[in-house]
Amino acid sequence: MPDPVSLALADRPSIGHLLRDRATLTPQGRALRFGAERLTFAEVEDRSTRVANRLAGLGIVAGDRVAVMMPNGLDYPLVWLGIVRLGAVVVPVNTGYQASDLRYVLTDSGARALVTVEALRTLVDAVVPRCPALRLALVWDGPSRQTGPGPHDTLAPFRDQVATTPAGHPVDHLREDTLATLQYTSGTTGFPKGCMLVHRGWIVCAINYVHLGDFTADDVAVIMTAFYYGDFGWNLVLSILVGMELAMLPRFSASTLWRSIQEVGGTFFYCLGTMPVLLLKQPPDPAVDRGHSVRWVSCSGIPAERHREIEDRWGVPWREAYGTTEVGFVTATRRGESETVGSGTIGTVIDGYTGRLVGPEGRDVRRGDVGEFICRGPRWISQGYWQKPEATAAWMRDGWAHTGDLMRQDPAGRYFLVGRTKDMIRRGGENVAAAEVEAALCEHPAVGNAACIAVPDEIRGEEVLAYVQPTGTAPDPEAVLAHCRSRLAAFKVPRYLRFIADFPLTPSQRIEKHKLSRDLPGSYDAERQAWR
């Protein structure tokens, strides 16, 4: 059962209220760890209020957007918490962005301030003059400055400014629907949209995991994904809610992850995308593979055909969870559901939520048929998309969030992810779910990963172009196509194949399909049985 103290704190309206009360209850409890550095909840409370007060002193007020472009580290959560405690809005920025990407997010969000690091100064200095709303470029470990009209004052490093700022900041004015973050979506099909995530939404995400994992203050959560991705937020709030330590790693490394987890005494972590397969590719090491203290792993995108192998190797349950940036986690398999291992299910809806599968006209499909997954719950973590009312209206209709994900449901009510409504290829009057073709391709022993996109065709409207990442030497294209023909209907078999060394990936390790070329030269044409 969930810890009673965690449940008692779960009704707090804002993240600031939650942290303040946690620091009062367990001030010396271990809160954050990065390398050899550790902070207690009292220290996190103290330092985050100093960040809030310094931002207020610089003119940042509730509702202002503050972009954060910093690498993983102990400073990131202090800045994140300080911004939301002020009632301002965090805009996480990918540290791998170049000038055009950074300018887009800063301009689209209307960020008034940017907190970054000295290592990114050259990039920031090139972009700041082109962002008229930006008034402060705060460098954590280097000289900061005021921008915009008027004098451009140079300020001390933001870290030094914070250290000399008094602690203590009231949070009573914040409500549960106060905007906390603009979490820009991965943008796998185009420009990202800023999801408006509220304080209570982050707490709801954490509450859902409290019930799934029965966490206590003795647990240690480990996070290795980039902090600008949304998983950072719910991991941080979950740790505050439970009173457990959050051990933060600089990045995901398949070769060192389990050893790092062993060193920090981790009992839980979440991973997704290509991470499970990359971990499996590492040489077995019994001292590491079974020398850890992990109780269970939550994962999105566990490869069904290797699920049992994953559990056998590391000796703990790996359980699937499904969600989106807009709605948080909505379905999951519970730790005790060992019968689902290898089935490919993403579980059933979490308590308090309702799910449906609907066709193009919005009517429920029959059990077993494929439909778009729509859902609703007691509270939404998102208010829609920043300054995009049409996109918001398309997402939330009649009280139901439309995820754009295609699923089917088995007789037991378990959901299975099939593809996306926007990831369909219309070939000769037939709909081809890219995910289905990709799954078939990945079953070939020489294929490590695959992505299918549509290319124009004068006769069929669209054809399937499959990008294939080999596990080693590129296989014979006809052998790959024969493999597909043995598993797929003829209209689903790719017309074109192209081999690729590495895919462009989002922070969530999903393939950025909009960056894949639709030019056919360099691909293998199945109908011509020749390279173009």
Protein backbone atom coordinates (compact mmCIF):
# COMPACT_ATOMS: atom_id res chain seq x y z
CA MET A 1 0.00 0.00 0.00
CA PRO A 2 1.17 3.58 -0.65
CA ASP A 3 2.82 5.39 2.26
CA PRO A 4 0.16 7.26 4.32
CA VAL A 5 2.32 10.39 4.51
CA SER A 6 2.62 10.49 0.73
CA LEU A 7 -1.15 10.22 0.40
CA ALA A 8 -1.61 13.00 2.96
CA LEU A 9 0.65 15.32 0.97
CA ALA A 10 -1.02 14.45 -2.33
CA ASP A 11 -3.73 17.08 -1.91
CA ARG A 12 -1.32 20.02 -1.99
CA PRO A 13 -2.32 22.51 -4.72
CA SER A 14 1.15 23.45 -5.97
CA ILE A 15 4.65 22.05 -6.22
CA GLY A 16 5.85 24.79 -3.87
CA HIS A 17 3.35 23.80 -1.20
CA LEU A 18 4.41 20.17 -1.58
CA LEU A 19 8.14 20.91 -1.24
CA ARG A 20 7.62 23.23 1.72
CA ASP A 21 5.61 20.62 3.62
CA ARG A 22 8.04 17.82 2.73
CA ALA A 23 10.96 19.92 4.00
CA THR A 24 9.05 20.52 7.22
CA LEU A 25 8.24 16.82 7.73
CA THR A 26 11.64 15.35 6.82
CA PRO A 27 14.15 18.22 6.64
CA GLN A 28 17.20 15.95 6.80
CA GLY A 29 15.80 13.38 4.38
CA ARG A 30 17.98 12.76 1.35
CA ALA A 31 16.44 14.56 -1.62
CA LEU A 32 18.82 14.97 -4.58
CA ARG A 33 22.07 13.30 -5.59
CA PHE A 34 24.37 14.00 -8.52
CA GLY A 35 27.76 12.33 -8.43
CA ALA A 36 29.28 12.97 -5.01
CA GLU A 37 26.95 15.91 -4.28
CA ARG A 38 23.83 15.39 -2.17
CA LEU A 39 21.15 17.71 -0.84
CA THR A 40 18.53 17.26 1.86
CA PHE A 41 14.94 18.41 1.47
CA ALA A 42 15.67 21.37 3.76
CA GLU A 43 18.56 22.38 1.50
CA VAL A 44 16.44 22.03 -1.64
CA GLU A 45 13.74 24.15 -0.02
CA ASP A 46 16.29 26.81 0.97
CA ARG A 47 18.12 27.02 -2.35
CA SER A 48 15.04 26.92 -4.58
CA THR A 49 13.46 29.81 -2.65
CA ARG A 50 16.67 31.79 -3.14
CA VAL A 51 16.34 31.21 -6.91
CA ALA A 52 12.72 32.39 -6.77
CA ASN A 53 13.59 35.49 -4.79
CA ARG A 54 16.46 36.45 -7.07
CA LEU A 55 14.28 36.10 -10.16
CA ALA A 56 11.65 38.26 -8.47
CA GLY A 57 14.34 40.84 -7.71
CA LEU A 58 15.21 40.91 -11.41
CA GLY A 59 11.60 41.67 -12.32
CA ILE A 60 10.29 38.20 -13.14
CA VAL A 61 6.67 37.87 -12.04
CA ALA A 62 4.03 35.14 -11.96
CA GLY A 63 3.13 34.03 -15.47
CA ASP A 64 6.44 35.05 -17.05
CA ARG A 65 8.09 32.32 -19.08
CA VAL A 66 11.67 31.46 -18.10
CA ALA A 67 13.60 29.20 -20.46
CA VAL A 68 16.10 26.77 -18.96
CA MET A 69 18.88 25.47 -21.21
CA MET A 70 21.17 23.57 -18.86
CA PRO A 71 22.70 20.08 -18.84
CA ASN A 72 21.80 17.43 -16.28
CA GLY A 73 23.15 18.36 -12.89
CA LEU A 74 22.31 19.34 -9.33
CA ASP A 75 21.62 22.95 -10.32
CA TYR A 76 18.86 22.12 -12.80
CA PRO A 77 16.17 21.03 -10.27
CA LEU A 78 16.96 24.04 -8.05
CA VAL A 79 16.36 26.42 -10.96
CA TRP A 80 13.27 24.46 -12.10
CA LEU A 81 11.75 24.52 -8.61
CA GLY A 82 12.64 28.18 -8.05
CA ILE A 83 10.83 29.24 -11.21
CA VAL A 84 7.64 27.32 -10.47
CA ARG A 85 7.63 28.45 -6.82
CA LEU A 86 7.56 32.03 -8.04
CA GLY A 87 4.51 31.24 -10.15
CA ALA A 88 6.54 31.74 -13.32
CA VAL A 89 6.64 29.13 -16.08
CA VAL A 90 9.58 26.85 -16.91
CA VAL A 91 10.34 26.43 -20.62
CA PRO A 92 12.79 23.48 -20.83
CA VAL A 93 15.14 23.80 -23.80
CA ASN A 94 17.07 21.00 -25.46
CA THR A 95 20.79 21.57 -24.88
CA GLY A 96 21.46 20.15 -28.33
CA TYR A 97 19.49 22.89 -30.07
CA GLN A 98 21.17 25.05 -32.66
CA ALA A 99 20.36 28.70 -33.37
CA SER A 100 17.14 28.17 -35.34
CA ASP A 101 15.70 25.67 -32.82
CA LEU A 102 16.54 27.88 -29.85
CA ARG A 103 15.13 30.98 -31.47
CA TYR A 104 11.91 29.14 -32.31
CA VAL A 105 11.26 28.04 -28.72
CA LEU A 106 12.25 31.38 -27.18
CA THR A 107 10.10 33.30 -29.64
CA ASP A 108 7.11 30.95 -29.58
CA SER A 109 7.03 30.88 -25.77
CA GLY A 110 7.67 34.61 -25.40
CA ALA A 111 10.30 33.80 -22.78
CA ARG A 112 11.32 36.83 -20.74
CA ALA A 113 14.44 35.21 -19.31
CA LEU A 114 16.83 32.40 -20.19
CA VAL A 115 18.93 30.49 -17.67
CA THR A 116 21.87 28.71 -19.28
CA VAL A 117 25.54 27.80 -18.76
CA GLU A 118 28.82 29.29 -19.91
CA ALA A 119 29.46 26.43 -22.33
CA LEU A 120 26.45 27.58 -24.39
CA ARG A 121 27.24 31.29 -24.31
CA THR A 122 28.33 31.58 -27.95
CA LEU A 123 25.06 30.09 -29.15
CA VAL A 124 22.98 32.16 -26.73
CA ASP A 125 24.73 35.41 -27.64
CA ALA A 126 23.96 34.79 -31.31
CA VAL A 127 20.26 34.17 -30.67
CA VAL A 128 19.34 36.62 -27.88
CA PRO A 129 19.31 39.77 -30.09
CA ARG A 130 16.73 38.08 -32.34
CA CYS A 131 14.28 37.40 -29.50
CA PRO A 132 12.59 40.72 -28.69
CA ALA A 133 10.67 39.45 -25.65
CA LEU A 134 13.82 38.27 -23.86
CA ARG A 135 15.06 40.63 -21.13
CA LEU A 136 17.54 38.52 -19.16
CA ALA A 137 20.26 36.08 -20.21
CA LEU A 138 21.26 34.49 -16.91
CA VAL A 139 24.38 32.34 -17.05
CA TRP A 140 24.60 30.01 -14.07
CA ASP A 141 28.39 29.79 -14.05
CA GLY A 142 29.40 32.94 -15.94
CA PRO A 143 28.59 36.64 -16.39
CA SER A 144 24.89 37.32 -16.94
CA ARG A 145 23.32 40.33 -18.56
CA GLN A 146 20.15 42.26 -19.09
CA THR A 147 19.02 42.55 -22.69
CA GLY A 148 16.41 44.42 -24.69
CA PRO A 149 15.81 48.19 -24.78
CA GLY A 150 17.89 50.42 -22.55
CA PRO A 151 21.24 49.73 -20.91
CA HIS A 152 22.57 46.21 -21.23
CA ASP A 153 23.85 45.75 -17.71
CA THR A 154 26.33 42.98 -16.97
CA LEU A 155 25.46 40.94 -13.88
CA ALA A 156 27.36 38.50 -11.72
CA PRO A 157 27.04 34.77 -12.51
CA PHE A 158 23.51 33.71 -11.63
CA ARG A 159 24.82 31.11 -9.18
CA ASP A 160 26.57 33.87 -7.20
CA GLN A 161 23.49 36.10 -7.32
CA VAL A 162 21.38 33.28 -5.87
CA ALA A 163 23.90 32.50 -3.11
CA THR A 164 23.66 36.05 -1.72
CA THR A 165 19.85 36.25 -1.97
CA PRO A 166 17.79 35.69 1.20
CA ALA A 167 15.80 32.45 1.42
CA GLY A 168 12.10 32.10 2.17
CA HIS A 169 9.31 32.75 -0.27
CA PRO A 170 5.53 32.54 0.15
CA VAL A 171 3.71 30.12 -2.12
CA ASP A 172 0.20 30.46 -0.74
CA HIS A 173 -1.01 32.43 -3.78
CA LEU A 174 -0.39 29.54 -6.19
CA ARG A 175 -3.35 27.39 -7.23
CA GLU A 176 -3.53 23.89 -8.62
CA ASP A 177 -4.32 25.22 -12.12
CA THR A 178 -1.37 27.65 -12.11
CA LEU A 179 0.75 27.08 -15.19
CA ALA A 180 4.06 25.41 -14.25
CA THR A 181 5.82 24.45 -17.49
CA LEU A 182 5.61 24.83 -21.23
CA GLN A 183 6.79 21.37 -22.22
CA TYR A 184 7.53 21.39 -25.92
CA THR A 185 6.51 18.15 -27.60
CA SER A 186 9.08 16.04 -29.40
CA GLY A 187 7.86 17.22 -32.78
CA THR A 188 8.26 13.92 -34.64
CA THR A 189 5.97 15.17 -37.42
CA GLY A 190 6.75 18.90 -37.48
CA PHE A 191 7.43 21.96 -35.30
CA PRO A 192 7.02 21.36 -31.56
CA LYS A 193 4.03 22.73 -29.67
CA GLY A 194 4.27 23.99 -26.10
CA CYS A 195 2.04 21.90 -23.82
CA MET A 196 0.76 24.01 -20.93
CA LEU A 197 1.28 21.80 -17.89
CA VAL A 198 -0.13 22.93 -14.55
CA HIS A 199 1.10 22.41 -10.99
CA ARG A 200 -1.59 19.92 -10.06
CA GLY A 201 -0.89 17.97 -13.24
CA TRP A 202 2.68 17.20 -12.21
CA ILE A 203 1.41 16.10 -8.79
CA VAL A 204 -1.24 13.86 -10.39
CA CYS A 205 1.48 12.16 -12.48
CA ALA A 206 3.44 11.50 -9.30
CA ILE A 207 0.36 10.21 -7.46
CA ASN A 208 -0.30 7.69 -10.24
CA TYR A 209 3.21 6.31 -9.83
CA VAL A 210 2.88 6.18 -6.04
CA HIS A 211 -0.03 3.77 -6.51
CA LEU A 212 1.77 1.77 -9.21
CA GLY A 213 5.00 1.36 -7.27
CA ASP A 214 4.15 1.45 -3.55
CA PHE A 215 7.13 3.72 -2.98
CA THR A 216 8.49 4.65 0.45
CA ALA A 217 11.17 7.02 1.70
CA ASP A 218 13.63 4.10 1.61
CA ASP A 219 13.43 3.91 -2.19
CA VAL A 220 15.91 5.61 -4.49
CA ALA A 221 14.68 6.67 -7.93
CA VAL A 222 17.25 7.00 -10.71
CA ILE A 223 16.85 9.29 -13.70
CA MET A 224 19.18 9.24 -16.70
CA THR A 225 17.10 10.92 -19.39
CA ALA A 226 17.83 14.54 -20.33
CA PHE A 227 16.22 16.92 -17.83
CA TYR A 228 14.67 19.06 -20.56
CA TYR A 229 12.41 16.12 -21.34
CA GLY A 230 9.14 15.76 -19.42
CA ASP A 231 10.15 12.68 -17.43
CA PHE A 232 12.33 14.90 -15.25
CA GLY A 233 9.30 16.77 -13.90
CA TRP A 234 7.30 13.80 -12.64
CA ASN A 235 10.41 12.05 -11.29
CA LEU A 236 11.28 15.16 -9.27
CA VAL A 237 7.75 15.66 -7.94
CA LEU A 238 7.42 11.92 -7.19
CA SER A 239 10.57 12.04 -5.07
CA ILE A 240 9.30 15.08 -3.15
CA LEU A 241 5.88 13.48 -2.64
CA VAL A 242 7.33 10.22 -1.30
CA GLY A 243 10.31 11.74 0.49
CA MET A 244 12.79 9.53 -1.36
CA GLU A 245 16.10 10.41 -2.95
CA LEU A 246 16.34 11.15 -6.67
CA ALA A 247 19.73 10.04 -8.00
CA MET A 248 20.47 11.97 -11.19
CA LEU A 249 22.86 10.77 -13.88
CA PRO A 250 24.50 13.02 -16.48
CA ARG A 251 23.07 11.03 -19.39
CA PHE A 252 21.89 7.62 -20.53
CA SER A 253 24.81 5.25 -21.12
CA ALA A 254 23.99 1.65 -21.96
CA SER A 255 27.47 0.50 -20.98
CA THR A 256 27.47 2.07 -17.51
CA LEU A 257 23.81 2.41 -16.46
CA TRP A 258 23.49 -0.69 -14.30
CA ARG A 259 26.81 -0.05 -12.58
CA SER A 260 25.73 3.54 -11.87
CA ILE A 261 22.44 2.28 -10.45
CA GLN A 262 24.35 -0.16 -8.27
CA GLU A 263 26.58 2.63 -6.94
CA VAL A 264 23.69 4.86 -5.86
CA GLY A 265 21.53 2.02 -4.49
CA GLY A 266 18.75 2.68 -6.99
CA THR A 267 15.49 0.78 -6.51
CA PHE A 268 13.50 2.17 -9.45
CA PHE A 269 13.99 3.81 -12.82
CA TYR A 270 12.01 4.65 -15.94
CA CYS A 271 13.30 4.22 -19.48
CA LEU A 272 11.87 4.32 -22.99
CA GLY A 273 12.51 4.21 -26.70
CA THR A 274 15.60 2.33 -27.81
CA MET A 275 17.06 2.05 -24.29
CA PRO A 276 16.00 -1.57 -23.50
CA VAL A 277 17.52 -2.95 -26.69
CA LEU A 278 20.72 -0.96 -26.20
CA LEU A 279 21.00 -2.32 -22.67
CA LEU A 280 20.52 -5.89 -23.90
CA LYS A 281 23.36 -5.47 -26.37
CA GLN A 282 25.85 -4.97 -23.54
CA PRO A 283 27.97 -7.99 -22.57
CA PRO A 284 26.43 -9.92 -19.67
CA ASP A 285 28.06 -9.28 -16.30
CA PRO A 286 26.46 -11.28 -13.45
CA ALA A 287 28.08 -9.07 -10.81
CA VAL A 288 26.27 -6.05 -12.28
CA ASP A 289 23.21 -7.64 -13.86
CA ARG A 290 22.18 -9.22 -10.55
CA GLY A 291 24.18 -7.12 -8.09
CA HIS A 292 21.72 -4.22 -8.00
CA SER A 293 18.86 -3.35 -5.63
CA VAL A 294 16.25 -2.39 -8.24
CA ARG A 295 12.70 -3.53 -7.33
CA TRP A 296 11.09 -2.81 -10.69
CA VAL A 297 11.48 -0.86 -13.91
CA SER A 298 8.84 1.19 -15.68
CA CYS A 299 9.30 1.42 -19.43
CA SER A 300 7.49 2.73 -22.48
CA GLY A 301 8.12 0.65 -25.57
CA ILE A 302 9.33 -2.68 -24.21
CA PRO A 303 10.04 -4.92 -27.25
CA ALA A 304 7.51 -7.71 -26.76
CA GLU A 305 9.66 -10.40 -28.33
CA ARG A 306 12.49 -9.66 -25.89
CA HIS A 307 10.48 -8.85 -22.78
CA ARG A 308 11.08 -12.22 -21.12
CA GLU A 309 14.80 -12.03 -21.95
CA ILE A 310 14.97 -8.60 -20.31
CA GLU A 311 13.36 -9.81 -17.09
CA ASP A 312 15.44 -12.98 -16.96
CA ARG A 313 18.68 -11.05 -17.35
CA TRP A 314 18.12 -8.47 -14.64
CA GLY A 315 15.78 -10.43 -12.40
CA VAL A 316 13.15 -7.74 -11.82
CA PRO A 317 9.74 -6.90 -13.30
CA TRP A 318 9.74 -4.56 -16.30
CA ARG A 319 6.29 -3.07 -16.67
CA GLU A 320 4.88 -1.10 -19.57
CA ALA A 321 3.40 2.37 -19.10
CA TYR A 322 1.75 4.54 -21.73
CA GLY A 323 1.12 8.25 -21.75
CA THR A 324 1.59 11.46 -23.66
CA THR A 325 2.97 14.87 -22.82
CA GLU A 326 -0.58 16.22 -22.81
CA VAL A 327 -2.29 13.69 -20.51
CA GLY A 328 0.53 12.09 -18.55
CA PHE A 329 0.42 8.35 -17.89
CA VAL A 330 -2.98 6.85 -18.60
CA THR A 331 -2.44 3.09 -18.95
CA ALA A 332 0.01 0.72 -17.27
CA THR A 333 0.67 -2.89 -16.38
CA ARG A 334 0.95 -3.49 -12.65
CA ARG A 335 4.01 -5.04 -11.05
CA GLY A 336 2.13 -8.24 -10.23
CA GLU A 337 0.86 -8.83 -13.78
CA SER A 338 3.55 -11.30 -14.80
CA GLU A 339 1.16 -12.96 -17.26
CA THR A 340 1.44 -9.92 -19.55
CA VAL A 341 5.19 -10.32 -20.09
CA GLY A 342 5.90 -10.66 -23.80
CA SER A 343 2.33 -9.93 -24.87
CA GLY A 344 3.05 -6.40 -26.06
CA THR A 345 0.21 -4.89 -24.03
CA ILE A 346 0.48 -1.39 -22.64
CA GLY A 347 -1.92 -2.37 -19.86
CA THR A 348 -5.27 -1.09 -18.68
CA VAL A 349 -6.31 2.43 -17.78
CA ILE A 350 -5.11 3.75 -14.45
CA ASP A 351 -7.74 4.13 -11.72
CA GLY A 352 -9.75 7.30 -12.16
CA TYR A 353 -9.34 7.40 -15.95
CA THR A 354 -11.59 6.17 -18.74
CA GLY A 355 -10.42 5.07 -22.18
CA ARG A 356 -12.25 4.46 -25.46
CA LEU A 357 -11.33 3.40 -28.97
CA VAL A 358 -13.16 5.31 -31.69
CA GLY A 359 -13.28 5.34 -35.46
CA PRO A 360 -12.90 8.37 -37.78
CA GLU A 361 -16.51 9.42 -37.13
CA GLY A 362 -16.03 9.32 -33.36
CA ARG A 363 -18.07 6.17 -32.74
CA ASP A 364 -16.76 3.36 -30.56
CA VAL A 365 -15.22 0.47 -32.48
CA ARG A 366 -15.93 -3.17 -31.68
CA ARG A 367 -13.73 -4.93 -29.14
CA GLY A 368 -10.69 -6.25 -31.04
CA ASP A 369 -10.88 -3.65 -33.82
CA VAL A 370 -8.38 -0.80 -34.17
CA GLY A 371 -9.43 2.71 -33.20
CA GLU A 372 -7.97 5.97 -31.93
CA PHE A 373 -7.43 5.97 -28.15
CA ILE A 374 -9.26 8.82 -26.43
CA CYS A 375 -9.40 9.29 -22.68
CA ARG A 376 -10.57 11.44 -19.83
CA GLY A 377 -9.86 11.63 -16.14
CA PRO A 378 -10.53 13.56 -12.95
CA ARG A 379 -7.89 16.21 -13.71
CA TRP A 380 -5.82 16.99 -16.76
CA ILE A 381 -2.16 17.83 -16.48
CA SER A 382 -2.39 20.13 -19.50
CA GLN A 383 -4.43 23.16 -20.49
CA GLY A 384 -3.70 22.57 -24.16
CA TYR A 385 -1.13 24.13 -26.46
CA TRP A 386 0.43 27.53 -25.92
CA GLN A 387 -1.16 30.12 -28.21
CA LYS A 388 -2.54 27.42 -30.52
CA PRO A 389 -6.30 27.34 -29.91
CA GLU A 390 -7.06 25.30 -33.03
CA ALA A 391 -4.61 22.58 -32.03
CA THR A 392 -6.03 22.64 -28.48
CA ALA A 393 -9.58 22.27 -29.79
CA ALA A 394 -8.52 19.34 -31.99
CA TRP A 395 -6.88 17.65 -28.99
CA MET A 396 -9.69 18.09 -26.44
CA ARG A 397 -13.19 17.50 -27.85
CA ASP A 398 -16.33 17.03 -25.74
CA GLY A 399 -14.23 16.38 -22.66
CA TRP A 400 -12.16 13.65 -24.29
CA ALA A 401 -8.45 13.96 -25.03
CA HIS A 402 -7.64 12.65 -28.50
CA THR A 403 -4.20 11.09 -28.36
CA GLY A 404 -3.79 10.31 -32.06
CA ASP A 405 -2.61 6.81 -31.11
CA LEU A 406 -4.20 3.76 -32.73
CA MET A 407 -4.86 0.81 -30.44
CA ARG A 408 -6.84 -2.37 -30.11
CA GLN A 409 -8.24 -3.98 -26.97
CA ASP A 410 -8.28 -7.67 -26.03
CA PRO A 411 -11.17 -9.45 -24.25
CA ALA A 412 -9.54 -8.72 -20.87
CA GLY A 413 -9.61 -4.98 -21.57
CA ARG A 414 -5.88 -4.62 -22.12
CA TYR A 415 -4.73 -2.13 -24.74
CA PHE A 416 -2.20 -2.74 -27.51
CA LEU A 417 -0.53 0.11 -29.38
CA VAL A 418 -0.78 -0.30 -33.17
CA GLY A 419 0.25 3.02 -34.70
CA ARG A 420 -0.69 6.68 -35.02
CA THR A 421 -3.47 8.38 -36.92
CA LYS A 422 -0.89 10.80 -38.30
CA ASP A 423 1.54 7.99 -39.04
CA MET A 424 -0.60 6.24 -41.65
CA ILE A 425 0.37 5.70 -45.25
CA ARG A 426 -2.49 5.73 -47.78
CA ARG A 427 -1.44 3.28 -50.50
CA GLY A 428 -3.83 2.48 -53.34
CA GLY A 429 -6.91 3.02 -51.18
CA GLU A 430 -5.52 0.97 -48.27
CA ASN A 431 -4.33 2.40 -44.94
CA VAL A 432 -0.91 1.13 -43.89
CA ALA A 433 0.04 1.65 -40.24
CA ALA A 434 3.74 2.52 -40.26
CA ALA A 435 4.20 0.96 -36.82
CA GLU A 436 2.96 -2.41 -38.04
CA VAL A 437 5.45 -2.50 -40.93
CA GLU A 438 8.24 -1.30 -38.65
CA ALA A 439 7.50 -4.08 -36.17
CA ALA A 440 7.69 -6.68 -38.94
CA LEU A 441 10.99 -5.28 -40.20
CA CYS A 442 12.48 -5.33 -36.70
CA GLU A 443 11.75 -9.05 -36.42
CA HIS A 444 14.43 -9.68 -39.04
CA PRO A 445 17.65 -10.64 -37.23
CA ALA A 446 19.75 -8.22 -39.28
CA VAL A 447 17.48 -5.21 -38.56
CA GLY A 448 18.12 -3.19 -35.42
CA ASN A 449 15.53 -0.47 -35.98
CA ALA A 450 13.21 0.76 -38.73
CA ALA A 451 11.06 3.72 -39.69
CA CYS A 452 8.49 3.91 -42.48
CA ILE A 453 7.37 7.09 -44.19
CA ALA A 454 5.12 7.91 -47.13
CA VAL A 455 6.49 9.02 -50.50
CA PRO A 456 4.29 10.34 -53.35
CA ASP A 457 3.33 7.95 -56.16
CA GLU A 458 1.43 8.86 -59.34
CA ILE A 459 -0.50 5.57 -59.43
CA ARG A 460 -1.08 4.57 -55.80
CA GLY A 461 -1.09 8.01 -54.22
CA GLU A 462 1.56 7.04 -51.68
CA GLU A 463 4.17 4.33 -51.38
CA VAL A 464 6.02 2.97 -48.37
CA LEU A 465 9.67 3.94 -47.96
CA ALA A 466 11.29 1.96 -45.15
CA TYR A 467 14.47 3.20 -43.50
CA VAL A 468 16.37 0.28 -41.98
CA GLN A 469 19.19 0.45 -39.44
CA PRO A 470 21.18 -2.82 -39.71
CA THR A 471 22.61 -4.55 -36.65
CA GLY A 472 25.83 -5.09 -38.60
CA THR A 473 26.52 -5.37 -42.32
CA ALA A 474 23.57 -4.26 -44.44
CA PRO A 475 21.52 -7.34 -45.38
CA ASP A 476 20.33 -8.30 -48.85
CA PRO A 477 17.30 -6.06 -49.53
CA GLU A 478 15.41 -8.91 -51.20
CA ALA A 479 15.86 -11.04 -48.09
CA VAL A 480 14.37 -8.24 -45.97
CA LEU A 481 11.44 -7.86 -48.37
CA ALA A 482 10.83 -11.63 -48.42
CA HIS A 483 10.76 -11.51 -44.64
CA CYS A 484 8.10 -8.77 -44.81
CA ARG A 485 6.04 -10.63 -47.39
CA SER A 486 5.88 -13.63 -45.07
CA ARG A 487 4.37 -11.47 -42.34
CA LEU A 488 2.40 -8.68 -43.98
CA ALA A 489 -0.36 -8.25 -46.50
CA ALA A 490 1.00 -7.40 -49.94
CA PHE A 491 -0.14 -3.78 -49.81
CA LYS A 492 1.82 -3.28 -46.56
CA VAL A 493 5.18 -4.53 -47.86
CA PRO A 494 7.54 -1.56 -48.47
CA ARG A 495 8.11 -0.53 -52.06
CA TYR A 496 11.43 1.12 -51.19
CA LEU A 497 14.22 0.26 -48.73
CA ARG A 498 17.02 2.51 -47.60
CA PHE A 499 19.74 1.58 -45.13
CA ILE A 500 20.81 4.14 -42.53
CA ALA A 501 23.63 4.07 -39.97
CA ASP A 502 21.89 6.17 -37.29
CA PHE A 503 18.44 7.68 -36.94
CA PRO A 504 17.79 11.26 -35.84
CA LEU A 505 16.20 10.87 -32.39
CA THR A 506 14.10 13.08 -30.13
CA PRO A 507 15.06 13.51 -26.44
CA SER A 508 12.63 10.64 -25.75
CA GLN A 509 14.61 8.39 -28.10
CA ARG A 510 11.88 8.36 -30.75
CA ILE A 511 12.76 8.65 -34.41
CA GLU A 512 12.26 12.12 -35.89
CA LYS A 513 10.55 11.04 -39.08
CA HIS A 514 10.18 14.56 -40.43
CA LYS A 515 13.98 14.66 -40.76
CA LEU A 516 14.10 11.58 -43.00
CA SER A 517 14.50 12.40 -46.68
CA ARG A 518 11.73 11.41 -49.10
CA ASP A 519 14.10 11.50 -52.05
CA LEU A 520 14.24 8.07 -53.69
CA PRO A 521 17.79 8.02 -55.12
CA GLY A 522 19.85 5.73 -52.91
CA SER A 523 16.93 3.44 -52.09
CA TYR A 524 16.17 -0.08 -53.28
CA ASP A 525 13.07 -0.34 -55.49
CA ALA A 526 11.23 -3.63 -54.86
CA GLU A 527 9.27 -3.46 -58.11
CA ARG A 528 12.35 -2.83 -60.24
CA GLN A 529 14.51 -5.09 -58.05
CA ALA A 530 17.26 -2.53 -58.43
CA TRP A 531 18.80 0.42 -56.60
CA ARG A 532 17.67 3.85 -57.71
